[in-house]
C-alpha atoms as a PDB file:
ATOM      1  CA  MET A   1      62.275  96.696 208.201  1.00  0.00           C
ATOM      2  CA  GLY A   2      60.261  93.640 207.206  1.00  0.00           C
ATOM      3  CA  VAL A   3      60.610  94.395 203.503  1.00  0.00           C
ATOM      4  CA  HIS A   4      64.207  95.697 203.547  1.00  0.00           C
ATOM      5  CA  PHE A   5      65.814  93.115 205.826  1.00  0.00           C
ATOM      6  CA  PHE A   6      63.823  89.975 205.044  1.00  0.00           C
ATOM      7  CA  THR A   7      61.287  89.745 202.209  1.00  0.00           C
ATOM      8  CA  ALA A   8      62.850  91.767 199.369  1.00  0.00           C
ATOM      9  CA  PRO A   9      66.364  90.219 199.449  1.00  0.00           C
ATOM     10  CA  ASN A  10      64.804  86.737 199.443  1.00  0.00           C
ATOM     11  CA  LYS A  11      62.443  87.351 196.483  1.00  0.00           C
ATOM     12  CA  ILE A  12      59.320  87.220 198.653  1.00  0.00           C
ATOM     13  CA  ALA A  13      56.485  89.511 197.551  1.00  0.00           C
ATOM     14  CA  PRO A  14      54.160  89.652 200.581  1.00  0.00           C
ATOM     15  CA  GLY A  15      51.075  91.011 198.859  1.00  0.00           C
ATOM     16  CA  GLY A  16      49.988  94.612 198.453  1.00  0.00           C
ATOM     17  CA  ILE A  17      51.858  97.417 196.730  1.00  0.00           C
ATOM     18  CA  ALA A  18      55.039  96.489 198.630  1.00  0.00           C
ATOM     19  CA  GLY A  19      54.853  93.054 196.996  1.00  0.00           C
ATOM     20  CA  ILE A  20      54.447  94.552 193.514  1.00  0.00           C
ATOM     21  CA  ALA A  21      57.286  96.992 194.240  1.00  0.00           C
ATOM     22  CA  THR A  22      59.526  94.099 195.297  1.00  0.00           C
ATOM     23  CA  ALA A  23      58.916  92.268 192.005  1.00  0.00           C
ATOM     24  CA  ILE A  24      59.399  95.450 189.939  1.00  0.00           C
ATOM     25  CA  ASN A  25      62.639  96.162 191.816  1.00  0.00           C
ATOM     26  CA  TYR A  26      63.870  92.689 190.848  1.00  0.00           C
ATOM     27  CA  LEU A  27      63.100  93.363 187.175  1.00  0.00           C
ATOM     28  CA  THR A  28      64.266  96.981 186.848  1.00  0.00           C
ATOM     29  CA  ASN A  29      66.157  97.844 190.060  1.00  0.00           C
ATOM     30  CA  PHE A  30      63.673 100.720 190.543  1.00  0.00           C
ATOM     31  CA  PRO A  31      63.662 101.713 194.257  1.00  0.00           C
ATOM     32  CA  ILE A  32      60.938  99.922 196.225  1.00  0.00           C
ATOM     33  CA  GLY A  33      60.057 102.978 198.337  1.00  0.00           C
ATOM     34  CA  TRP A  34      59.651 105.361 195.426  1.00  0.00           C
ATOM     35  CA  PHE A  35      57.602 102.860 193.428  1.00  0.00           C
ATOM     36  CA  ASN A  36      55.363 102.488 196.466  1.00  0.00           C
ATOM     37  CA  THR A  37      54.950 106.282 196.634  1.00  0.00           C
ATOM     38  CA  PHE A  38      54.142 106.729 192.931  1.00  0.00           C
ATOM     39  CA  VAL A  39      51.525 103.952 192.924  1.00  0.00           C
ATOM     40  CA  ASN A  40      49.987 105.347 196.095  1.00  0.00           C
ATOM     41  CA  ILE A  41      49.376 108.835 194.673  1.00  0.00           C
ATOM     42  CA  PRO A  42      46.208 107.932 192.672  1.00  0.00           C
ATOM     43  CA  LEU A  43      45.058 105.609 195.473  1.00  0.00           C
ATOM     44  CA  LEU A  44      45.438 108.393 198.045  1.00  0.00           C
ATOM     45  CA  ILE A  45      43.416 110.761 195.843  1.00  0.00           C
ATOM     46  CA  LEU A  46      40.722 108.088 195.486  1.00  0.00           C
ATOM     47  CA  GLY A  47      40.744 107.447 199.218  1.00  0.00           C
ATOM     48  CA  TYR A  48      40.416 111.161 199.979  1.00  0.00           C
ATOM     49  CA  PHE A  49      36.918 111.177 198.481  1.00  0.00           C
ATOM     50  CA  TYR A  50      35.789 107.840 199.923  1.00  0.00           C
ATOM     51  CA  LEU A  51      37.575 107.445 203.263  1.00  0.00           C
ATOM     52  CA  GLY A  52      37.938 110.947 204.624  1.00  0.00           C
ATOM     53  CA  ARG A  53      40.553 113.696 204.834  1.00  0.00           C
ATOM     54  CA  LEU A  54      42.100 112.896 208.225  1.00  0.00           C
ATOM     55  CA  PHE A  55      42.507 109.196 207.444  1.00  0.00           C
ATOM     56  CA  ILE A  56      44.308 109.977 204.182  1.00  0.00           C
ATOM     57  CA  LEU A  57      46.566 112.633 205.733  1.00  0.00           C
ATOM     58  CA  LYS A  58      47.744 110.108 208.321  1.00  0.00           C
ATOM     59  CA  THR A  59      48.203 107.508 205.579  1.00  0.00           C
ATOM     60  CA  ILE A  60      50.346 109.939 203.582  1.00  0.00           C
ATOM     61  CA  SER A  61      52.696 110.216 206.562  1.00  0.00           C
ATOM     62  CA  ALA A  62      52.936 106.399 206.694  1.00  0.00           C
ATOM     63  CA  VAL A  63      53.686 106.179 202.949  1.00  0.00           C
ATOM     64  CA  ILE A  64      56.397 108.858 203.198  1.00  0.00           C
ATOM     65  CA  SER A  65      57.910 107.122 206.233  1.00  0.00           C
ATOM     66  CA  PHE A  66      58.069 103.813 204.360  1.00  0.00           C
ATOM     67  CA  THR A  67      59.887 105.450 201.435  1.00  0.00           C
ATOM     68  CA  LEU A  68      62.385 107.259 203.676  1.00  0.00           C
ATOM     69  CA  PHE A  69      63.276 104.133 205.632  1.00  0.00           C
ATOM     70  CA  GLN A  70      63.255 101.746 202.676  1.00  0.00           C
ATOM     71  CA  ASP A  71      65.268 103.824 200.210  1.00  0.00           C
ATOM     72  CA  TYR A  72      67.453 105.979 202.457  1.00  0.00           C
ATOM     73  CA  LEU A  73      67.685 105.325 206.205  1.00  0.00           C
ATOM     74  CA  LEU A  74      68.152 101.540 206.049  1.00  0.00           C
ATOM     75  CA  ILE A  75      70.399 101.497 202.987  1.00  0.00           C
ATOM     76  CA  GLY A  76      73.795 100.011 203.778  1.00  0.00           C
ATOM     77  CA  LEU A  77      72.592  97.907 206.695  1.00  0.00           C
ATOM     78  CA  PRO A  78      73.093  94.148 206.235  1.00  0.00           C
ATOM     79  CA  GLN A  79      70.150  92.186 204.841  1.00  0.00           C
ATOM     80  CA  TYR A  80      69.260  88.595 205.671  1.00  0.00           C
ATOM     81  CA  GLN A  81      69.795  86.280 202.703  1.00  0.00           C
ATOM     82  CA  GLY A  82      69.403  82.694 203.772  1.00  0.00           C
ATOM     83  CA  ASP A  83      66.561  80.346 204.590  1.00  0.00           C
ATOM     84  CA  PRO A  84      63.488  81.815 202.841  1.00  0.00           C
ATOM     85  CA  LEU A  85      61.201  80.327 205.492  1.00  0.00           C
ATOM     86  CA  ILE A  86      62.981  82.335 208.205  1.00  0.00           C
ATOM     87  CA  ALA A  87      62.739  85.411 205.966  1.00  0.00           C
ATOM     88  CA  ALA A  88      58.996  84.834 205.486  1.00  0.00           C
ATOM     89  CA  LEU A  89      58.393  84.381 209.224  1.00  0.00           C
ATOM     90  CA  PHE A  90      60.353  87.398 210.433  1.00  0.00           C
ATOM     91  CA  GLY A  91      59.408  89.583 207.475  1.00  0.00           C
ATOM     92  CA  GLY A  92      55.724  88.779 207.896  1.00  0.00           C
ATOM     93  CA  ALA A  93      55.874  89.451 211.648  1.00  0.00           C
ATOM     94  CA  LEU A  94      57.483  92.877 211.159  1.00  0.00           C
ATOM     95  CA  LEU A  95      55.027  93.773 208.385  1.00  0.00           C
ATOM     96  CA  GLY A  96      52.116  92.830 210.638  1.00  0.00           C
ATOM     97  CA  VAL A  97      53.425  94.903 213.537  1.00  0.00           C
ATOM     98  CA  GLY A  98      54.001  97.909 211.274  1.00  0.00           C
ATOM     99  CA  THR A  99      50.550  97.674 209.722  1.00  0.00           C
ATOM    100  CA  GLY A 100      49.012  97.235 213.178  1.00  0.00           C
ATOM    101  CA  ILE A 101      50.720 100.391 214.483  1.00  0.00           C
ATOM    102  CA  ALA A 102      49.273 102.311 211.534  1.00  0.00           C
ATOM    103  CA  PHE A 103      45.781 100.913 212.152  1.00  0.00           C
ATOM    104  CA  VAL A 104      45.955 101.719 215.870  1.00  0.00           C
ATOM    105  CA  GLY A 105      46.705 105.305 214.875  1.00  0.00           C
ATOM    106  CA  GLU A 106      43.521 105.307 212.722  1.00  0.00           C
ATOM    107  CA  SER A 107      45.607 105.278 209.570  1.00  0.00           C
ATOM    108  CA  SER A 108      46.882 102.679 207.113  1.00  0.00           C
ATOM    109  CA  THR A 109      50.044 101.874 205.197  1.00  0.00           C
ATOM    110  CA  GLY A 110      48.371 102.946 201.959  1.00  0.00           C
ATOM    111  CA  GLY A 111      48.410 100.877 198.797  1.00  0.00           C
ATOM    112  CA  MET A 112      45.982  97.987 198.644  1.00  0.00           C
ATOM    113  CA  ASP A 113      44.610  98.858 202.101  1.00  0.00           C
ATOM    114  CA  ILE A 114      43.011 101.917 200.494  1.00  0.00           C
ATOM    115  CA  ALA A 115      41.918 100.082 197.351  1.00  0.00           C
ATOM    116  CA  ASN A 116      40.387  97.246 199.373  1.00  0.00           C
ATOM    117  CA  LYS A 117      38.462  99.633 201.627  1.00  0.00           C
ATOM    118  CA  VAL A 118      37.149 101.604 198.642  1.00  0.00           C
ATOM    119  CA  ILE A 119      36.053  98.397 196.882  1.00  0.00           C
ATOM    120  CA  GLN A 120      34.346  97.181 200.050  1.00  0.00           C
ATOM    121  CA  LYS A 121      32.605 100.531 200.500  1.00  0.00           C
ATOM    122  CA  LYS A 122      31.340 100.506 196.908  1.00  0.00           C
ATOM    123  CA  PHE A 123      30.253  96.866 197.200  1.00  0.00           C
ATOM    124  CA  PRO A 124      29.284  96.414 200.871  1.00  0.00           C
ATOM    125  CA  TYR A 125      28.085  92.849 200.301  1.00  0.00           C
ATOM    126  CA  LEU A 126      31.743  91.877 199.773  1.00  0.00           C
ATOM    127  CA  LYS A 127      33.696  91.055 202.927  1.00  0.00           C
ATOM    128  CA  LEU A 128      36.888  93.065 203.422  1.00  0.00           C
ATOM    129  CA  GLY A 129      38.823  89.882 204.200  1.00  0.00           C
ATOM    130  CA  SER A 130      37.706  88.307 200.922  1.00  0.00           C
ATOM    131  CA  VAL A 131      38.641  91.403 198.916  1.00  0.00           C
ATOM    132  CA  THR A 132      42.065  91.506 200.588  1.00  0.00           C
ATOM    133  CA  LEU A 133      42.617  87.810 199.876  1.00  0.00           C
ATOM    134  CA  ILE A 134      41.829  88.252 196.172  1.00  0.00           C
ATOM    135  CA  THR A 135      44.127  91.267 195.729  1.00  0.00           C
ATOM    136  CA  ASN A 136      46.956  89.506 197.563  1.00  0.00           C
ATOM    137  CA  LEU A 137      46.548  86.415 195.386  1.00  0.00           C
ATOM    138  CA  ILE A 138      46.858  88.589 192.269  1.00  0.00           C
ATOM    139  CA  VAL A 139      50.103  90.092 193.595  1.00  0.00           C
ATOM    140  CA  ILE A 140      51.477  86.644 194.511  1.00  0.00           C
ATOM    141  CA  LEU A 141      50.702  85.268 191.027  1.00  0.00           C
ATOM    142  CA  PHE A 142      52.362  88.319 189.449  1.00  0.00           C
ATOM    143  CA  ALA A 143      55.478  87.744 191.566  1.00  0.00           C
ATOM    144  CA  ALA A 144      55.544  84.053 190.623  1.00  0.00           C
ATOM    145  CA  TYR A 145      55.559  85.089 186.955  1.00  0.00           C
ATOM    146  CA  VAL A 146      58.357  87.616 187.529  1.00  0.00           C
ATOM    147  CA  TYR A 147      60.592  85.272 189.537  1.00  0.00           C
ATOM    148  CA  HIS A 148      59.705  82.145 187.508  1.00  0.00           C
ATOM    149  CA  ASP A 149      59.642  80.287 190.825  1.00  0.00           C
ATOM    150  CA  ILE A 150      56.495  78.963 192.490  1.00  0.00           C
ATOM    151  CA  SER A 151      58.325  78.411 195.804  1.00  0.00           C
ATOM    152  CA  THR A 152      58.723  82.165 196.317  1.00  0.00           C
ATOM    153  CA  SER A 153      54.949  82.481 196.054  1.00  0.00           C
ATOM    154  CA  LEU A 154      54.452  79.778 198.669  1.00  0.00           C
ATOM    155  CA  TYR A 155      56.789  81.619 201.028  1.00  0.00           C
ATOM    156  CA  ALA A 156      54.813  84.796 200.314  1.00  0.00           C
ATOM    157  CA  VAL A 157      51.665  82.995 201.505  1.00  0.00           C
ATOM    158  CA  VAL A 158      53.515  82.102 204.730  1.00  0.00           C
ATOM    159  CA  ALA A 159      54.571  85.745 205.164  1.00  0.00           C
ATOM    160  CA  ILE A 160      50.991  86.985 204.642  1.00  0.00           C
ATOM    161  CA  PHE A 161      49.652  84.461 207.173  1.00  0.00           C
ATOM    162  CA  VAL A 162      52.214  85.479 209.807  1.00  0.00           C
ATOM    163  CA  MET A 163      51.531  89.128 209.009  1.00  0.00           C
ATOM    164  CA  SER A 164      47.814  88.661 209.702  1.00  0.00           C
ATOM    165  CA  LYS A 165      48.543  87.026 213.069  1.00  0.00           C
ATOM    166  CA  ALA A 166      50.984  89.765 214.084  1.00  0.00           C
ATOM    167  CA  LEU A 167      48.453  92.390 212.987  1.00  0.00           C
ATOM    168  CA  ASP A 168      45.764  90.820 215.174  1.00  0.00           C
ATOM    169  CA  ALA A 169      48.205  90.682 218.101  1.00  0.00           C
ATOM    170  CA  VAL A 170      48.835  94.439 217.819  1.00  0.00           C
ATOM    171  CA  LEU A 171      45.168  95.343 217.341  1.00  0.00           C
ATOM    172  CA  TYR A 172      43.589  92.967 219.839  1.00  0.00           C
ATOM    173  CA  GLY A 173      46.473  91.935 222.088  1.00  0.00           C
ATOM    174  CA  LEU A 174      47.653  88.466 223.010  1.00  0.00           C
ATOM    175  CA  ASP A 175      45.203  88.169 225.882  1.00  0.00           C
ATOM    176  CA  VAL A 176      42.860  85.821 224.013  1.00  0.00           C
ATOM    177  CA  GLY A 177      39.951  84.509 226.049  1.00  0.00           C
ATOM    178  CA  LYS A 178      37.194  81.913 225.807  1.00  0.00           C
ATOM    179  CA  MET A 179      33.472  82.635 225.575  1.00  0.00           C
ATOM    180  CA  VAL A 180      31.534  79.723 227.048  1.00  0.00           C
ATOM    181  CA  PHE A 181      27.829  78.935 226.728  1.00  0.00           C
ATOM    182  CA  ILE A 182      26.636  76.272 229.176  1.00  0.00           C
ATOM    183  CA  ILE A 183      23.157  74.795 228.664  1.00  0.00           C
ATOM    184  CA  THR A 184      22.171  72.847 231.774  1.00  0.00           C
ATOM    185  CA  ALA A 185      19.343  71.826 234.081  1.00  0.00           C
ATOM    186  CA  HIS A 186      21.543  72.774 237.064  1.00  0.00           C
ATOM    187  CA  GLY A 187      22.112  76.404 236.202  1.00  0.00           C
ATOM    188  CA  ASP A 188      21.934  77.873 239.693  1.00  0.00           C
ATOM    189  CA  GLU A 189      24.259  75.241 241.136  1.00  0.00           C
ATOM    190  CA  ILE A 190      26.864  75.630 238.384  1.00  0.00           C
ATOM    191  CA  ALA A 191      26.684  79.434 238.503  1.00  0.00           C
ATOM    192  CA  LYS A 192      27.285  79.400 242.271  1.00  0.00           C
ATOM    193  CA  GLU A 193      30.226  77.023 241.894  1.00  0.00           C
ATOM    194  CA  LEU A 194      31.886  79.102 239.163  1.00  0.00           C
ATOM    195  CA  ILE A 195      31.402  82.420 240.975  1.00  0.00           C
ATOM    196  CA  GLN A 196      32.909  81.005 244.169  1.00  0.00           C
ATOM    197  CA  HIS A 197      35.924  79.334 242.619  1.00  0.00           C
ATOM    198  CA  SER A 198      36.719  81.301 239.472  1.00  0.00           C
ATOM    199  CA  SER A 199      35.816  84.897 240.457  1.00  0.00           C
ATOM    200  CA  ARG A 200      34.186  85.307 237.046  1.00  0.00           C
ATOM    201  CA  GLY A 201      30.786  86.817 236.450  1.00  0.00           C
ATOM    202  CA  ILE A 202      28.009  84.696 234.997  1.00  0.00           C
ATOM    203  CA  THR A 203      25.035  85.770 232.906  1.00  0.00           C
ATOM    204  CA  LYS A 204      21.947  83.520 233.135  1.00  0.00           C
ATOM    205  CA  PHE A 205      19.264  83.050 230.491  1.00  0.00           C
ATOM    206  CA  LYS A 206      16.098  81.013 230.859  1.00  0.00           C
ATOM    207  CA  THR A 207      15.854  78.926 227.697  1.00  0.00           C
ATOM    208  CA  VAL A 208      13.627  76.181 226.269  1.00  0.00           C
ATOM    209  CA  GLY A 209      14.834  73.304 224.078  1.00  0.00           C
ATOM    210  CA  ALA A 210      12.982  73.420 220.758  1.00  0.00           C
ATOM    211  CA  TYR A 211      12.912  69.630 220.412  1.00  0.00           C
ATOM    212  CA  THR A 212      12.154  68.559 224.001  1.00  0.00           C
ATOM    213  CA  GLU A 213      10.233  71.700 225.059  1.00  0.00           C
ATOM    214  CA  HIS A 214      12.024  71.323 228.406  1.00  0.00           C
ATOM    215  CA  GLY A 215      13.147  74.427 230.259  1.00  0.00           C
ATOM    216  CA  ASN A 216      16.874  74.890 230.892  1.00  0.00           C
ATOM    217  CA  THR A 217      19.278  77.562 232.028  1.00  0.00           C
ATOM    218  CA  THR A 218      21.928  78.876 229.664  1.00  0.00           C
ATOM    219  CA  LEU A 219      24.987  80.392 231.314  1.00  0.00           C
ATOM    220  CA  LEU A 220      27.341  82.772 229.547  1.00  0.00           C
ATOM    221  CA  CYS A 221      30.833  83.221 230.940  1.00  0.00           C
ATOM    222  CA  ALA A 222      34.092  84.750 229.673  1.00  0.00           C
ATOM    223  CA  VAL A 223      37.339  83.271 231.012  1.00  0.00           C
ATOM    224  CA  ARG A 224      41.019  83.391 230.205  1.00  0.00           C
ATOM    225  CA  GLN A 225      42.404  80.481 228.221  1.00  0.00           C
ATOM    226  CA  ASN A 226      44.262  79.057 231.198  1.00  0.00           C
ATOM    227  CA  GLU A 227      41.037  79.092 233.250  1.00  0.00           C
ATOM    228  CA  TYR A 228      38.917  77.138 230.782  1.00  0.00           C
ATOM    229  CA  TYR A 229      40.087  73.647 231.783  1.00  0.00           C
ATOM    230  CA  GLN A 230      39.067  74.174 235.420  1.00  0.00           C
ATOM    231  CA  LEU A 231      35.702  75.608 234.347  1.00  0.00           C
ATOM    232  CA  LYS A 232      34.994  72.568 232.173  1.00  0.00           C
ATOM    233  CA  HIS A 233      35.982  70.247 235.010  1.00  0.00           C
ATOM    234  CA  ARG A 234      33.649  71.992 237.505  1.00  0.00           C
ATOM    235  CA  VAL A 235      30.712  71.986 235.084  1.00  0.00           C
ATOM    236  CA  ASN A 236      31.185  68.315 234.240  1.00  0.00           C
ATOM    237  CA  ARG A 237      31.368  67.385 237.932  1.00  0.00           C
ATOM    238  CA  ILE A 238      27.996  69.012 238.666  1.00  0.00           C
ATOM    239  CA  ASP A 239      26.199  68.124 235.429  1.00  0.00           C
ATOM    240  CA  PRO A 240      27.836  65.518 233.131  1.00  0.00           C
ATOM    241  CA  ASN A 241      24.985  66.090 230.650  1.00  0.00           C
ATOM    242  CA  ALA A 242      25.609  69.837 230.316  1.00  0.00           C
ATOM    243  CA  PHE A 243      25.879  71.036 226.724  1.00  0.00           C
ATOM    244  CA  MET A 244      28.788  73.471 226.266  1.00  0.00           C
ATOM    245  CA  ILE A 245      29.600  75.740 223.339  1.00  0.00           C
ATOM    246  CA  VAL A 246      33.094  77.245 223.481  1.00  0.00           C
ATOM    247  CA  ALA A 247      34.372  80.003 221.198  1.00  0.00           C
ATOM    248  CA  THR A 248      37.649  81.909 221.101  1.00  0.00           C
ATOM    249  CA  ALA A 249      37.193  85.585 221.981  1.00  0.00           C
ATOM    250  CA  SER A 250      39.886  87.683 220.309  1.00  0.00           C
ATOM    251  CA  GLU A 251      39.329  90.449 222.861  1.00  0.00           C
ATOM    252  CA  VAL A 252      37.502  90.673 226.195  1.00  0.00           C
ATOM    253  CA  VAL A 253      37.006  94.173 227.617  1.00  0.00           C
ATOM    254  CA  GLY A 254      35.715  94.802 231.127  1.00  0.00           C
ATOM    255  CA  LYS A 255      36.335  94.040 234.774  1.00  0.00           C
ATOM    256  CA  GLY A 256      38.865  91.264 235.258  1.00  0.00           C
ATOM    257  CA  PHE A 257      40.107  91.578 231.660  1.00  0.00           C
ATOM    258  CA  LYS A 258      41.259  94.550 229.575  1.00  0.00           C
ATOM    259  CA  SER A 259      40.420  98.138 230.374  1.00  0.00           C
ATOM    260  CA  PRO A 260      38.324  99.920 227.705  1.00  0.00           C
ATOM    261  CA  ASN A 261      41.192 102.423 227.394  1.00  0.00           C
ATOM    262  CA  GLU A 262      43.836  99.829 226.512  1.00  0.00           C
END
């Protein structure tokens, strides 16, 4: 849906094999779905040996589904041809959701997902995110050459960014939390205050400052985003000199948060 309704009719090639197929379709009118299938055949064979039989069988079903919907089931339905920014936003969101559904099912959408995983497995010192970024940049530059328009490439970058956020939302949920480290000389007092008023568990560590050699208590606490402000206020009220390190936790599993089965 993301490709058919939004990205392809607006000359946006959102990375991966689908992006190459979109550019080739513009040049030759060759069906996007079938091009995606043909290019995936050698990649699926390669993935069979490196990524496992079950993973590839599920990926084959995703590739076939994409071709059926793109070239047959959605044909004739109206496509959005208007503001390319809107096309990039909605197209990227749908692409991210679709890819996320495949990943949740321990599969993939094929194409560069397979190639990137094989490259990363052969060269484990390379980060998967970096490999994916490089391959997407190659596709975007190819599309810019085909369309002779740099703006379409910039919209493709927007689509890829939105796709990554939608993918994370499907894989990890929207229930983003905060992981808070509190280094303080009033550890027991702060821990008692937080347990009483926030109903969150606290983990205490006895720590020593390397510079001062003074003993402190480090508290570790996970809270929801909307609870962080109150936590900071309570800590500051008890110990204005407390040192706090706050990080975004993309997923928090356990009592008071998500169930391990979700």
